Amino acid sequence: QVQLVESGGGLVQAGGSLRLSCAATGRTFSTYVMSWFRQAPGKEREFVGAIRWSGGSTSYADSVKGRFTISRDNAKNTMYLQMNSLKIDDTAVYYCAAAPDRGRYFATRMYEYDFWGQGTQVTVFS
């Protein structure tokens, strides 16, 4: 049974940093793309960024580019989201997700993802 479990969310002041983790169990993700999405109150879930498990290449939404960094630890089967220079607008529930690696592009739409975590709340205050 595949499980994605996020952790590391919390309260942080604007301008601060936070690191989220996504622990993956139940299968090998070497042929998958792992991603972070987020959903703010009253808004649709949106793509934040992704990492190709094999090779480690990444892609980011424009809104977080230069501030957020995705990495993974193959030995721990864990993906990370390092969030720096946090803004009020970054407040959301953050989800990790996994999609088959299609090679040509990074999947950015929810329906492309097979597995989801339960989410972790990030709240940025002024």
PDB file of N, CA and C in Angstrom:
ATOM      1  N   GLN A   1       0.851  -1.189   0.000  1.00  0.00           N
ATOM      2  CA  GLN A   1       0.000   0.000   0.000  1.00  0.00           C
ATOM      3  C   GLN A   1       0.887   1.241   0.000  1.00  0.00           C
ATOM      4  N   VAL A   2       0.669   2.091  -0.995  1.00  0.00           N
ATOM      5  CA  VAL A   2       1.461   3.309  -1.105  1.00  0.00           C
ATOM      6  C   VAL A   2       0.975   4.342  -0.103  1.00  0.00           C
ATOM      7  N   GLN A   3       1.933   4.939   0.579  1.00  0.00           N
ATOM      8  CA  GLN A   3       1.596   6.028   1.505  1.00  0.00           C
ATOM      9  C   GLN A   3       2.572   7.172   1.323  1.00  0.00           C
ATOM     10  N   LEU A   4       2.039   8.368   1.290  1.00  0.00           N
ATOM     11  CA  LEU A   4       2.843   9.589   1.295  1.00  0.00           C
ATOM     12  C   LEU A   4       2.448  10.356   2.546  1.00  0.00           C
ATOM     13  N   VAL A   5       3.422  10.645   3.377  1.00  0.00           N
ATOM     14  CA  VAL A   5       3.132  11.306   4.646  1.00  0.00           C
ATOM     15  C   VAL A   5       3.952  12.579   4.757  1.00  0.00           C
ATOM     16  N   GLU A   6       3.251  13.713   4.798  1.00  0.00           N
ATOM     17  CA  GLU A   6       3.919  15.000   4.930  1.00  0.00           C
ATOM     18  C   GLU A   6       4.120  15.342   6.398  1.00  0.00           C
ATOM     19  N   SER A   7       5.154  16.113   6.664  1.00  0.00           N
ATOM     20  CA  SER A   7       5.390  16.624   8.006  1.00  0.00           C
ATOM     21  C   SER A   7       6.188  17.916   7.896  1.00  0.00           C
ATOM     22  N   GLY A   8       6.259  18.645   9.006  1.00  0.00           N
ATOM     23  CA  GLY A   8       7.079  19.843   9.041  1.00  0.00           C
ATOM     24  C   GLY A   8       6.326  21.152   8.946  1.00  0.00           C
ATOM     25  N   GLY A   9       5.022  21.091   8.761  1.00  0.00           N
ATOM     26  CA  GLY A   9       4.257  22.321   8.690  1.00  0.00           C
ATOM     27  C   GLY A   9       4.193  23.023  10.036  1.00  0.00           C
ATOM     28  N   GLY A  10       3.712  24.262  10.021  1.00  0.00           N
ATOM     29  CA  GLY A  10       3.598  25.000  11.269  1.00  0.00           C
ATOM     30  C   GLY A  10       3.400  26.476  11.025  1.00  0.00           C
ATOM     31  N   LEU A  11       3.627  27.250  12.086  1.00  0.00           N
ATOM     32  CA  LEU A  11       3.509  28.703  12.043  1.00  0.00           C
ATOM     33  C   LEU A  11       4.879  29.314  11.849  1.00  0.00           C
ATOM     34  N   VAL A  12       4.978  30.292  10.982  1.00  0.00           N
ATOM     35  CA  VAL A  12       6.255  30.955  10.749  1.00  0.00           C
ATOM     36  C   VAL A  12       5.995  32.417  10.391  1.00  0.00           C
ATOM     37  N   GLN A  13       6.874  33.266  10.836  1.00  0.00           N
ATOM     38  CA  GLN A  13       6.744  34.682  10.533  1.00  0.00           C
ATOM     39  C   GLN A  13       7.165  34.954   9.097  1.00  0.00           C
ATOM     40  N   ALA A  14       6.547  35.935   8.487  1.00  0.00           N
ATOM     41  CA  ALA A  14       6.903  36.326   7.126  1.00  0.00           C
ATOM     42  C   ALA A  14       8.397  36.624   7.051  1.00  0.00           C
ATOM     43  N   GLY A  15       9.016  36.114   5.992  1.00  0.00           N
ATOM     44  CA  GLY A  15      10.456  36.255   5.837  1.00  0.00           C
ATOM     45  C   GLY A  15      11.237  35.082   6.376  1.00  0.00           C
ATOM     46  N   GLY A  16      10.560  34.228   7.124  1.00  0.00           N
ATOM     47  CA  GLY A  16      11.223  33.078   7.719  1.00  0.00           C
ATOM     48  C   GLY A  16      11.277  31.883   6.796  1.00  0.00           C
ATOM     49  N   SER A  17      11.719  30.767   7.360  1.00  0.00           N
ATOM     50  CA  SER A  17      11.914  29.545   6.585  1.00  0.00           C
ATOM     51  C   SER A  17      11.245  28.366   7.268  1.00  0.00           C
ATOM     52  N   LEU A  18      10.966  27.368   6.464  1.00  0.00           N
ATOM     53  CA  LEU A  18      10.363  26.135   6.959  1.00  0.00           C
ATOM     54  C   LEU A  18      10.752  25.025   5.995  1.00  0.00           C
ATOM     55  N   ARG A  19      10.920  23.816   6.506  1.00  0.00           N
ATOM     56  CA  ARG A  19      11.204  22.678   5.633  1.00  0.00           C
ATOM     57  C   ARG A  19      10.157  21.597   5.833  1.00  0.00           C
ATOM     58  N   LEU A  20       9.526  21.238   4.748  1.00  0.00           N
ATOM     59  CA  LEU A  20       8.546  20.160   4.760  1.00  0.00           C
ATOM     60  C   LEU A  20       9.191  18.870   4.281  1.00  0.00           C
ATOM     61  N   SER A  21       8.676  17.764   4.792  1.00  0.00           N
ATOM     62  CA  SER A  21       9.141  16.446   4.366  1.00  0.00           C
ATOM     63  C   SER A  21       7.962  15.634   3.853  1.00  0.00           C
ATOM     64  N   CYS A  22       8.254  14.736   2.925  1.00  0.00           N
ATOM     65  CA  CYS A  22       7.246  13.798   2.420  1.00  0.00           C
ATOM     66  C   CYS A  22       7.894  12.420   2.397  1.00  0.00           C
ATOM     67  N   ALA A  23       7.488  11.572   3.308  1.00  0.00           N
ATOM     68  CA  ALA A  23       8.024  10.220   3.383  1.00  0.00           C
ATOM     69  C   ALA A  23       7.146   9.287   2.564  1.00  0.00           C
ATOM     70  N   ALA A  24       7.786   8.564   1.649  1.00  0.00           N
ATOM     71  CA  ALA A  24       7.053   7.689   0.735  1.00  0.00           C
ATOM     72  C   ALA A  24       7.332   6.229   1.065  1.00  0.00           C
ATOM     73  N   THR A  25       6.283   5.448   1.173  1.00  0.00           N
ATOM     74  CA  THR A  25       6.430   4.012   1.444  1.00  0.00           C
ATOM     75  C   THR A  25       5.504   3.222   0.532  1.00  0.00           C
ATOM     76  N   GLY A  26       5.786   1.942   0.394  1.00  0.00           N
ATOM     77  CA  GLY A  26       4.873   1.056  -0.312  1.00  0.00           C
ATOM     78  C   GLY A  26       5.296   0.677  -1.709  1.00  0.00           C
ATOM     79  N   ARG A  27       6.251   1.409  -2.273  1.00  0.00           N
ATOM     80  CA  ARG A  27       6.744   1.053  -3.599  1.00  0.00           C
ATOM     81  C   ARG A  27       8.016   1.818  -3.877  1.00  0.00           C
ATOM     82  N   THR A  28       8.653   1.468  -4.982  1.00  0.00           N
ATOM     83  CA  THR A  28       9.828   2.204  -5.442  1.00  0.00           C
ATOM     84  C   THR A  28       9.365   3.354  -6.329  1.00  0.00           C
ATOM     85  N   PHE A  29       9.898   4.529  -6.084  1.00  0.00           N
ATOM     86  CA  PHE A  29       9.476   5.708  -6.830  1.00  0.00           C
ATOM     87  C   PHE A  29      10.518   6.158  -7.857  1.00  0.00           C
ATOM     88  N   SER A  30      11.409   5.259  -8.234  1.00  0.00           N
ATOM     89  CA  SER A  30      12.484   5.637  -9.147  1.00  0.00           C
ATOM     90  C   SER A  30      11.977   6.046 -10.522  1.00  0.00           C
ATOM     91  N   THR A  31      10.786   5.621 -10.891  1.00  0.00           N
ATOM     92  CA  THR A  31      10.229   5.997 -12.197  1.00  0.00           C
ATOM     93  C   THR A  31       9.099   7.004 -12.036  1.00  0.00           C
ATOM     94  N   TYR A  32       9.112   7.719 -10.944  1.00  0.00           N
ATOM     95  CA  TYR A  32       8.060   8.683 -10.655  1.00  0.00           C
ATOM     96  C   TYR A  32       8.602  10.100 -10.559  1.00  0.00           C
ATOM     97  N   VAL A  33       7.705  11.036 -10.727  1.00  0.00           N
ATOM     98  CA  VAL A  33       7.925  12.431 -10.405  1.00  0.00           C
ATOM     99  C   VAL A  33       7.181  12.699  -9.096  1.00  0.00           C
ATOM    100  N   MET A  34       7.868  13.315  -8.172  1.00  0.00           N
ATOM    101  CA  MET A  34       7.256  13.673  -6.892  1.00  0.00           C
ATOM    102  C   MET A  34       7.062  15.180  -6.867  1.00  0.00           C
ATOM    103  N   SER A  35       5.927  15.611  -6.392  1.00  0.00           N
ATOM    104  CA  SER A  35       5.614  17.039  -6.448  1.00  0.00           C
ATOM    105  C   SER A  35       5.016  17.553  -5.150  1.00  0.00           C
ATOM    106  N   TRP A  36       5.035  18.861  -5.035  1.00  0.00           N
ATOM    107  CA  TRP A  36       4.330  19.572  -3.975  1.00  0.00           C
ATOM    108  C   TRP A  36       3.235  20.417  -4.608  1.00  0.00           C
ATOM    109  N   PHE A  37       2.074  20.338  -4.025  1.00  0.00           N
ATOM    110  CA  PHE A  37       0.957  21.199  -4.351  1.00  0.00           C
ATOM    111  C   PHE A  37       0.557  21.934  -3.077  1.00  0.00           C
ATOM    112  N   ARG A  38      -0.223  22.975  -3.234  1.00  0.00           N
ATOM    113  CA  ARG A  38      -0.751  23.655  -2.052  1.00  0.00           C
ATOM    114  C   ARG A  38      -2.156  24.173  -2.337  1.00  0.00           C
ATOM    115  N   GLN A  39      -2.915  24.304  -1.262  1.00  0.00           N
ATOM    116  CA  GLN A  39      -4.273  24.798  -1.384  1.00  0.00           C
ATOM    117  C   GLN A  39      -4.555  25.784  -0.269  1.00  0.00           C
ATOM    118  N   ALA A  40      -4.769  27.039  -0.654  1.00  0.00           N
ATOM    119  CA  ALA A  40      -5.116  28.088   0.292  1.00  0.00           C
ATOM    120  C   ALA A  40      -6.631  28.106   0.484  1.00  0.00           C
ATOM    121  N   PRO A  41      -7.113  28.656   1.593  1.00  0.00           N
ATOM    122  CA  PRO A  41      -8.556  28.714   1.842  1.00  0.00           C
ATOM    123  C   PRO A  41      -9.300  29.407   0.707  1.00  0.00           C
ATOM    124  N   GLY A  42     -10.322  28.755   0.190  1.00  0.00           N
ATOM    125  CA  GLY A  42     -11.131  29.349  -0.863  1.00  0.00           C
ATOM    126  C   GLY A  42     -10.504  29.312  -2.241  1.00  0.00           C
ATOM    127  N   LYS A  43      -9.372  28.667  -2.365  1.00  0.00           N
ATOM    128  CA  LYS A  43      -8.693  28.615  -3.662  1.00  0.00           C
ATOM    129  C   LYS A  43      -8.509  27.176  -4.117  1.00  0.00           C
ATOM    130  N   GLU A  44      -8.231  27.027  -5.401  1.00  0.00           N
ATOM    131  CA  GLU A  44      -7.980  25.700  -5.934  1.00  0.00           C
ATOM    132  C   GLU A  44      -6.563  25.250  -5.578  1.00  0.00           C
ATOM    133  N   ARG A  45      -6.414  23.938  -5.545  1.00  0.00           N
ATOM    134  CA  ARG A  45      -5.077  23.392  -5.303  1.00  0.00           C
ATOM    135  C   ARG A  45      -4.176  23.730  -6.489  1.00  0.00           C
ATOM    136  N   GLU A  46      -2.958  24.173  -6.179  1.00  0.00           N
ATOM    137  CA  GLU A  46      -2.049  24.593  -7.240  1.00  0.00           C
ATOM    138  C   GLU A  46      -0.694  23.904  -7.121  1.00  0.00           C
ATOM    139  N   PHE A  47      -0.082  23.743  -8.263  1.00  0.00           N
ATOM    140  CA  PHE A  47       1.245  23.141  -8.354  1.00  0.00           C
ATOM    141  C   PHE A  47       2.284  24.087  -7.781  1.00  0.00           C
ATOM    142  N   VAL A  48       3.174  23.547  -6.969  1.00  0.00           N
ATOM    143  CA  VAL A  48       4.267  24.327  -6.378  1.00  0.00           C
ATOM    144  C   VAL A  48       5.595  23.984  -7.058  1.00  0.00           C
ATOM    145  N   GLY A  49       5.887  22.703  -7.139  1.00  0.00           N
ATOM    146  CA  GLY A  49       7.138  22.280  -7.741  1.00  0.00           C
ATOM    147  C   GLY A  49       7.238  20.770  -7.765  1.00  0.00           C
ATOM    148  N   ALA A  50       8.209  20.275  -8.523  1.00  0.00           N
ATOM    149  CA  ALA A  50       8.354  18.836  -8.698  1.00  0.00           C
ATOM    150  C   ALA A  50       9.817  18.459  -8.819  1.00  0.00           C
ATOM    151  N   ILE A  51      10.085  17.188  -8.547  1.00  0.00           N
ATOM    152  CA  ILE A  51      11.427  16.642  -8.725  1.00  0.00           C
ATOM    153  C   ILE A  51      11.308  15.279  -9.387  1.00  0.00           C
ATOM    154  N   ARG A  52      12.147  15.061 -10.335  1.00  0.00           N
ATOM    155  CA  ARG A  52      12.202  13.776 -10.999  1.00  0.00           C
ATOM    156  C   ARG A  52      13.066  12.870 -10.129  1.00  0.00           C
ATOM    157  N   TRP A  53      12.449  11.754  -9.655  1.00  0.00           N
ATOM    158  CA  TRP A  53      13.176  10.924  -8.694  1.00  0.00           C
ATOM    159  C   TRP A  53      14.480  10.395  -9.277  1.00  0.00           C
ATOM    160  N   SER A  54      14.445  10.037 -10.543  1.00  0.00           N
ATOM    161  CA  SER A  54      15.660   9.575 -11.208  1.00  0.00           C
ATOM    162  C   SER A  54      16.348  10.768 -11.853  1.00  0.00           C
ATOM    163  N   GLY A  55      17.486  11.144 -11.323  1.00  0.00           N
ATOM    164  CA  GLY A  55      18.224  12.267 -11.887  1.00  0.00           C
ATOM    165  C   GLY A  55      18.120  13.536 -11.076  1.00  0.00           C
ATOM    166  N   GLY A  56      16.978  13.765 -10.437  1.00  0.00           N
ATOM    167  CA  GLY A  56      16.839  14.902  -9.536  1.00  0.00           C
ATOM    168  C   GLY A  56      16.546  16.239 -10.168  1.00  0.00           C
ATOM    169  N   SER A  57      16.193  16.271 -11.460  1.00  0.00           N
ATOM    170  CA  SER A  57      15.865  17.568 -12.063  1.00  0.00           C
ATOM    171  C   SER A  57      14.568  18.090 -11.454  1.00  0.00           C
ATOM    172  N   THR A  58      14.441  19.414 -11.438  1.00  0.00           N
ATOM    173  CA  THR A  58      13.313  20.041 -10.758  1.00  0.00           C
ATOM    174  C   THR A  58      12.606  21.060 -11.643  1.00  0.00           C
ATOM    175  N   SER A  59      11.408  21.395 -11.221  1.00  0.00           N
ATOM    176  CA  SER A  59      10.625  22.423 -11.893  1.00  0.00           C
ATOM    177  C   SER A  59       9.808  23.127 -10.823  1.00  0.00           C
ATOM    178  N   TYR A  60       9.608  24.441 -10.972  1.00  0.00           N
ATOM    179  CA  TYR A  60       8.906  25.223  -9.961  1.00  0.00           C
ATOM    180  C   TYR A  60       7.877  26.147 -10.585  1.00  0.00           C
ATOM    181  N   ALA A  61       6.849  26.422  -9.814  1.00  0.00           N
ATOM    182  CA  ALA A  61       5.911  27.461 -10.218  1.00  0.00           C
ATOM    183  C   ALA A  61       6.608  28.814 -10.105  1.00  0.00           C
ATOM    184  N   ASP A  62       6.209  29.758 -10.942  1.00  0.00           N
ATOM    185  CA  ASP A  62       6.840  31.076 -10.936  1.00  0.00           C
ATOM    186  C   ASP A  62       6.716  31.751  -9.570  1.00  0.00           C
ATOM    187  N   SER A  63       5.628  31.486  -8.876  1.00  0.00           N
ATOM    188  CA  SER A  63       5.370  32.170  -7.605  1.00  0.00           C
ATOM    189  C   SER A  63       6.362  31.784  -6.506  1.00  0.00           C
ATOM    190  N   VAL A  64       7.045  30.659  -6.667  1.00  0.00           N
ATOM    191  CA  VAL A  64       7.971  30.207  -5.622  1.00  0.00           C
ATOM    192  C   VAL A  64       9.408  30.102  -6.117  1.00  0.00           C
ATOM    193  N   LYS A  65       9.604  30.324  -7.388  1.00  0.00           N
ATOM    194  CA  LYS A  65      10.940  30.173  -7.971  1.00  0.00           C
ATOM    195  C   LYS A  65      11.922  31.127  -7.283  1.00  0.00           C
ATOM    196  N   GLY A  66      13.063  30.579  -6.899  1.00  0.00           N
ATOM    197  CA  GLY A  66      14.075  31.366  -6.217  1.00  0.00           C
ATOM    198  C   GLY A  66      13.921  31.390  -4.700  1.00  0.00           C
ATOM    199  N   ARG A  67      12.761  30.957  -4.218  1.00  0.00           N
ATOM    200  CA  ARG A  67      12.531  30.937  -2.771  1.00  0.00           C
ATOM    201  C   ARG A  67      12.401  29.510  -2.237  1.00  0.00           C
ATOM    202  N   PHE A  68      11.830  28.623  -3.027  1.00  0.00           N
ATOM    203  CA  PHE A  68      11.603  27.244  -2.602  1.00  0.00           C
ATOM    204  C   PHE A  68      12.559  26.313  -3.338  1.00  0.00           C
ATOM    205  N   THR A  69      12.982  25.268  -2.646  1.00  0.00           N
ATOM    206  CA  THR A  69      13.866  24.271  -3.244  1.00  0.00           C
ATOM    207  C   THR A  69      13.373  22.877  -2.879  1.00  0.00           C
ATOM    208  N   ILE A  70      13.264  22.025  -3.898  1.00  0.00           N
ATOM    209  CA  ILE A  70      12.852  20.643  -3.679  1.00  0.00           C
ATOM    210  C   ILE A  70      14.085  19.749  -3.797  1.00  0.00           C
ATOM    211  N   SER A  71      14.182  18.805  -2.891  1.00  0.00           N
ATOM    212  CA  SER A  71      15.268  17.824  -2.937  1.00  0.00           C
ATOM    213  C   SER A  71      14.714  16.473  -2.499  1.00  0.00           C
ATOM    214  N   ARG A  72      15.519  15.447  -2.683  1.00  0.00           N
ATOM    215  CA  ARG A  72      15.088  14.123  -2.223  1.00  0.00           C
ATOM    216  C   ARG A  72      16.276  13.347  -1.700  1.00  0.00           C
ATOM    217  N   ASP A  73      15.958  12.424  -0.805  1.00  0.00           N
ATOM    218  CA  ASP A  73      16.947  11.518  -0.234  1.00  0.00           C
ATOM    219  C   ASP A  73      16.538  10.116  -0.652  1.00  0.00           C
ATOM    220  N   ASN A  74      17.270   9.554  -1.597  1.00  0.00           N
ATOM    221  CA  ASN A  74      16.902   8.243  -2.133  1.00  0.00           C
ATOM    222  C   ASN A  74      16.906   7.175  -1.053  1.00  0.00           C
ATOM    223  N   ALA A  75      17.902   7.233  -0.169  1.00  0.00           N
ATOM    224  CA  ALA A  75      18.040   6.200   0.857  1.00  0.00           C
ATOM    225  C   ALA A  75      16.841   6.200   1.811  1.00  0.00           C
ATOM    226  N   LYS A  76      16.298   7.388   2.066  1.00  0.00           N
ATOM    227  CA  LYS A  76      15.173   7.506   2.998  1.00  0.00           C
ATOM    228  C   LYS A  76      13.833   7.528   2.280  1.00  0.00           C
ATOM    229  N   ASN A  77      13.869   7.522   0.951  1.00  0.00           N
ATOM    230  CA  ASN A  77      12.631   7.608   0.171  1.00  0.00           C
ATOM    231  C   ASN A  77      11.800   8.808   0.611  1.00  0.00           C
ATOM    232  N   THR A  78      12.475   9.918   0.777  1.00  0.00           N
ATOM    233  CA  THR A  78      11.840  11.126   1.308  1.00  0.00           C
ATOM    234  C   THR A  78      12.150  12.320   0.417  1.00  0.00           C
ATOM    235  N   MET A  79      11.136  13.136   0.210  1.00  0.00           N
ATOM    236  CA  MET A  79      11.273  14.371  -0.540  1.00  0.00           C
ATOM    237  C   MET A  79      11.137  15.543   0.423  1.00  0.00           C
ATOM    238  N   TYR A  80      11.819  16.633   0.104  1.00  0.00           N
ATOM    239  CA  TYR A  80      11.800  17.797   0.976  1.00  0.00           C
ATOM    240  C   TYR A  80      11.384  19.033   0.185  1.00  0.00           C
ATOM    241  N   LEU A  81      10.812  19.983   0.900  1.00  0.00           N
ATOM    242  CA  LEU A  81      10.523  21.294   0.335  1.00  0.00           C
ATOM    243  C   LEU A  81      11.086  22.325   1.299  1.00  0.00           C
ATOM    244  N   GLN A  82      12.188  22.935   0.908  1.00  0.00           N
ATOM    245  CA  GLN A  82      12.783  24.001   1.695  1.00  0.00           C
ATOM    246  C   GLN A  82      12.158  25.309   1.254  1.00  0.00           C
ATOM    247  N   MET A  83      11.511  25.994   2.169  1.00  0.00           N
ATOM    248  CA  MET A  83      10.806  27.232   1.849  1.00  0.00           C
ATOM    249  C   MET A  83      11.482  28.382   2.579  1.00  0.00           C
ATOM    250  N   ASN A  84      12.022  29.314   1.812  1.00  0.00           N
ATOM    251  CA  ASN A  84      12.683  30.492   2.371  1.00  0.00           C
ATOM    252  C   ASN A  84      11.929  31.750   1.980  1.00  0.00           C
ATOM    253  N   SER A  85      12.213  32.834   2.680  1.00  0.00           N
ATOM    254  CA  SER A  85      11.574  34.125   2.383  1.00  0.00           C
ATOM    255  C   SER A  85      10.067  33.972   2.270  1.00  0.00           C
ATOM    256  N   LEU A  86       9.487  33.319   3.239  1.00  0.00           N
ATOM    257  CA  LEU A  86       8.056  33.024   3.178  1.00  0.00           C
ATOM    258  C   LEU A  86       7.219  34.291   3.229  1.00  0.00           C
ATOM    259  N   LYS A  87       6.115  34.258   2.490  1.00  0.00           N
ATOM    260  CA  LYS A  87       5.186  35.374   2.405  1.00  0.00           C
ATOM    261  C   LYS A  87       3.824  34.948   2.971  1.00  0.00           C
ATOM    262  N   ILE A  88       3.017  35.943   3.305  1.00  0.00           N
ATOM    263  CA  ILE A  88       1.665  35.665   3.792  1.00  0.00           C
ATOM    264  C   ILE A  88       0.914  34.792   2.783  1.00  0.00           C
ATOM    265  N   ASP A  89       1.113  35.077   1.510  1.00  0.00           N
ATOM    266  CA  ASP A  89       0.415  34.341   0.441  1.00  0.00           C
ATOM    267  C   ASP A  89       0.833  32.880   0.335  1.00  0.00           C
ATOM    268  N   ASP A  90       1.878  32.493   1.026  1.00  0.00           N
ATOM    269  CA  ASP A  90       2.299  31.087   1.007  1.00  0.00           C
ATOM    270  C   ASP A  90       1.478  30.246   1.991  1.00  0.00           C
ATOM    271  N   THR A  91       0.643  30.892   2.773  1.00  0.00           N
ATOM    272  CA  THR A  91      -0.201  30.170   3.713  1.00  0.00           C
ATOM    273  C   THR A  91      -1.137  29.222   2.964  1.00  0.00           C
ATOM    274  N   ALA A  92      -1.078  27.949   3.319  1.00  0.00           N
ATOM    275  CA  ALA A  92      -1.871  26.938   2.619  1.00  0.00           C
ATOM    276  C   ALA A  92      -1.642  25.583   3.276  1.00  0.00           C
ATOM    277  N   VAL A  93      -2.451  24.631   2.861  1.00  0.00           N
ATOM    278  CA  VAL A  93      -2.153  23.229   3.163  1.00  0.00           C
ATOM    279  C   VAL A  93      -1.281  22.718   2.028  1.00  0.00           C
ATOM    280  N   TYR A  94      -0.158  22.129   2.378  1.00  0.00           N
ATOM    281  CA  TYR A  94       0.788  21.632   1.390  1.00  0.00           C
ATOM    282  C   TYR A  94       0.668  20.111   1.294  1.00  0.00           C
ATOM    283  N   TYR A  95       0.564  19.649   0.053  1.00  0.00           N
ATOM    284  CA  TYR A  95       0.404  18.233  -0.229  1.00  0.00           C
ATOM    285  C   TYR A  95       1.562  17.726  -1.073  1.00  0.00           C
ATOM    286  N   CYS A  96       2.014  16.518  -0.809  1.00  0.00           N
ATOM    287  CA  CYS A  96       2.936  15.886  -1.738  1.00  0.00           C
ATOM    288  C   CYS A  96       2.164  14.861  -2.571  1.00  0.00           C
ATOM    289  N   ALA A  97       2.667  14.610  -3.749  1.00  0.00           N
ATOM    290  CA  ALA A  97       1.980  13.733  -4.680  1.00  0.00           C
ATOM    291  C   ALA A  97       2.998  13.045  -5.576  1.00  0.00           C
ATOM    292  N   ALA A  98       2.592  11.921  -6.167  1.00  0.00           N
ATOM    293  CA  ALA A  98       3.473  11.164  -7.043  1.00  0.00           C
ATOM    294  C   ALA A  98       2.776  10.829  -8.342  1.00  0.00           C
ATOM    295  N   ALA A  99       3.500  11.003  -9.448  1.00  0.00           N
ATOM    296  CA  ALA A  99       2.970  10.701 -10.770  1.00  0.00           C
ATOM    297  C   ALA A  99       4.018   9.944 -11.567  1.00  0.00           C
ATOM    298  N   PRO A 100       3.614   9.052 -12.448  1.00  0.00           N
ATOM    299  CA  PRO A 100       4.592   8.374 -13.301  1.00  0.00           C
ATOM    300  C   PRO A 100       5.397   9.395 -14.092  1.00  0.00           C
ATOM    301  N   ASP A 101       6.678   9.135 -14.209  1.00  0.00           N
ATOM    302  CA  ASP A 101       7.552  10.038 -14.952  1.00  0.00           C
ATOM    303  C   ASP A 101       7.346   9.818 -16.445  1.00  0.00           C
ATOM    304  N   ARG A 102       6.765  10.798 -17.112  1.00  0.00           N
ATOM    305  CA  ARG A 102       6.476  10.668 -18.535  1.00  0.00           C
ATOM    306  C   ARG A 102       7.628  11.150 -19.407  1.00  0.00           C
ATOM    307  N   GLY A 103       8.649  11.663 -18.755  1.00  0.00           N
ATOM    308  CA  GLY A 103       9.889  11.968 -19.450  1.00  0.00           C
ATOM    309  C   GLY A 103       9.921  13.279 -20.196  1.00  0.00           C
ATOM    310  N   ARG A 104       8.820  13.663 -20.836  1.00  0.00           N
ATOM    311  CA  ARG A 104       8.846  14.835 -21.701  1.00  0.00           C
ATOM    312  C   ARG A 104       8.640  16.128 -20.932  1.00  0.00           C
ATOM    313  N   TYR A 105       7.901  16.058 -19.843  1.00  0.00           N
ATOM    314  CA  TYR A 105       7.581  17.265 -19.108  1.00  0.00           C
ATOM    315  C   TYR A 105       7.249  16.889 -17.681  1.00  0.00           C
ATOM    316  N   PHE A 106       7.177  17.892 -16.833  1.00  0.00           N
ATOM    317  CA  PHE A 106       6.752  17.681 -15.458  1.00  0.00           C
ATOM    318  C   PHE A 106       5.240  17.812 -15.369  1.00  0.00           C
ATOM    319  N   ALA A 107       4.604  16.830 -14.805  1.00  0.00           N
ATOM    320  CA  ALA A 107       3.163  16.888 -14.601  1.00  0.00           C
ATOM    321  C   ALA A 107       2.840  17.989 -13.606  1.00  0.00           C
ATOM    322  N   THR A 108       1.903  18.855 -13.952  1.00  0.00           N
ATOM    323  CA  THR A 108       1.536  19.961 -13.071  1.00  0.00           C
ATOM    324  C   THR A 108       0.054  19.975 -12.724  1.00  0.00           C
ATOM    325  N   ARG A 109      -0.716  19.048 -13.280  1.00  0.00           N
ATOM    326  CA  ARG A 109      -2.152  19.026 -13.042  1.00  0.00           C
ATOM    327  C   ARG A 109      -2.531  17.899 -12.118  1.00  0.00           C
ATOM    328  N   MET A 110      -3.467  18.118 -11.251  1.00  0.00           N
ATOM    329  CA  MET A 110      -3.818  17.159 -10.205  1.00  0.00           C
ATOM    330  C   MET A 110      -4.183  15.792 -10.759  1.00  0.00           C
ATOM    331  N   TYR A 111      -4.912  15.757 -11.883  1.00  0.00           N
ATOM    332  CA  TYR A 111      -5.394  14.474 -12.384  1.00  0.00           C
ATOM    333  C   TYR A 111      -4.268  13.576 -12.879  1.00  0.00           C
ATOM    334  N   GLU A 112      -3.091  14.150 -13.052  1.00  0.00           N
ATOM    335  CA  GLU A 112      -1.946  13.364 -13.520  1.00  0.00           C
ATOM    336  C   GLU A 112      -1.291  12.579 -12.398  1.00  0.00           C
ATOM    337  N   TYR A 113      -1.701  12.847 -11.158  1.00  0.00           N
ATOM    338  CA  TYR A 113      -1.044  12.248 -10.007  1.00  0.00           C
ATOM    339  C   TYR A 113      -1.851  11.083  -9.442  1.00  0.00           C
ATOM    340  N   ASP A 114      -1.132   9.988  -9.175  1.00  0.00           N
ATOM    341  CA  ASP A 114      -1.768   8.761  -8.701  1.00  0.00           C
ATOM    342  C   ASP A 114      -1.885   8.708  -7.178  1.00  0.00           C
ATOM    343  N   PHE A 115      -0.928   9.287  -6.494  1.00  0.00           N
ATOM    344  CA  PHE A 115      -0.860   9.152  -5.035  1.00  0.00           C
ATOM    345  C   PHE A 115      -0.736  10.527  -4.396  1.00  0.00           C
ATOM    346  N   TRP A 116      -1.408  10.669  -3.252  1.00  0.00           N
ATOM    347  CA  TRP A 116      -1.414  11.941  -2.522  1.00  0.00           C
ATOM    348  C   TRP A 116      -1.209  11.705  -1.038  1.00  0.00           C
ATOM    349  N   GLY A 117      -0.564  12.680  -0.409  1.00  0.00           N
ATOM    350  CA  GLY A 117      -0.489  12.680   1.036  1.00  0.00           C
ATOM    351  C   GLY A 117      -1.707  13.373   1.629  1.00  0.00           C
ATOM    352  N   GLN A 118      -1.739  13.430   2.957  1.00  0.00           N
ATOM    353  CA  GLN A 118      -2.901  13.994   3.648  1.00  0.00           C
ATOM    354  C   GLN A 118      -2.781  15.509   3.831  1.00  0.00           C
ATOM    355  N   GLY A 119      -1.603  16.056   3.602  1.00  0.00           N
ATOM    356  CA  GLY A 119      -1.395  17.492   3.705  1.00  0.00           C
ATOM    357  C   GLY A 119      -0.863  17.934   5.053  1.00  0.00           C
ATOM    358  N   THR A 120      -0.155  19.053   5.032  1.00  0.00           N
ATOM    359  CA  THR A 120       0.350  19.661   6.256  1.00  0.00           C
ATOM    360  C   THR A 120       0.154  21.174   6.156  1.00  0.00           C
ATOM    361  N   GLN A 121      -0.321  21.765   7.235  1.00  0.00           N
ATOM    362  CA  GLN A 121      -0.674  23.187   7.215  1.00  0.00           C
ATOM    363  C   GLN A 121       0.564  24.061   7.416  1.00  0.00           C
ATOM    364  N   VAL A 122       0.690  25.060   6.568  1.00  0.00           N
ATOM    365  CA  VAL A 122       1.715  26.091   6.721  1.00  0.00           C
ATOM    366  C   VAL A 122       0.998  27.426   6.850  1.00  0.00           C
ATOM    367  N   THR A 123       1.282  28.128   7.932  1.00  0.00           N
ATOM    368  CA  THR A 123       0.667  29.425   8.169  1.00  0.00           C
ATOM    369  C   THR A 123       1.762  30.455   8.365  1.00  0.00           C
ATOM    370  N   VAL A 124       1.751  31.481   7.515  1.00  0.00           N
ATOM    371  CA  VAL A 124       2.736  32.553   7.574  1.00  0.00           C
ATOM    372  C   VAL A 124       2.042  33.802   8.107  1.00  0.00           C
ATOM    373  N   PHE A 125       2.585  34.376   9.181  1.00  0.00           N
ATOM    374  CA  PHE A 125       1.975  35.547   9.796  1.00  0.00           C
ATOM    375  C   PHE A 125       2.934  36.732   9.724  1.00  0.00           C
ATOM    376  N   SER A 126       2.344  37.920   9.800  1.00  0.00           N
ATOM    377  CA  SER A 126       3.158  39.148   9.704  1.00  0.00           C
ATOM    378  C   SER A 126       3.649  39.603  11.072  1.00  0.00           C
TER     379      SER A 126
END
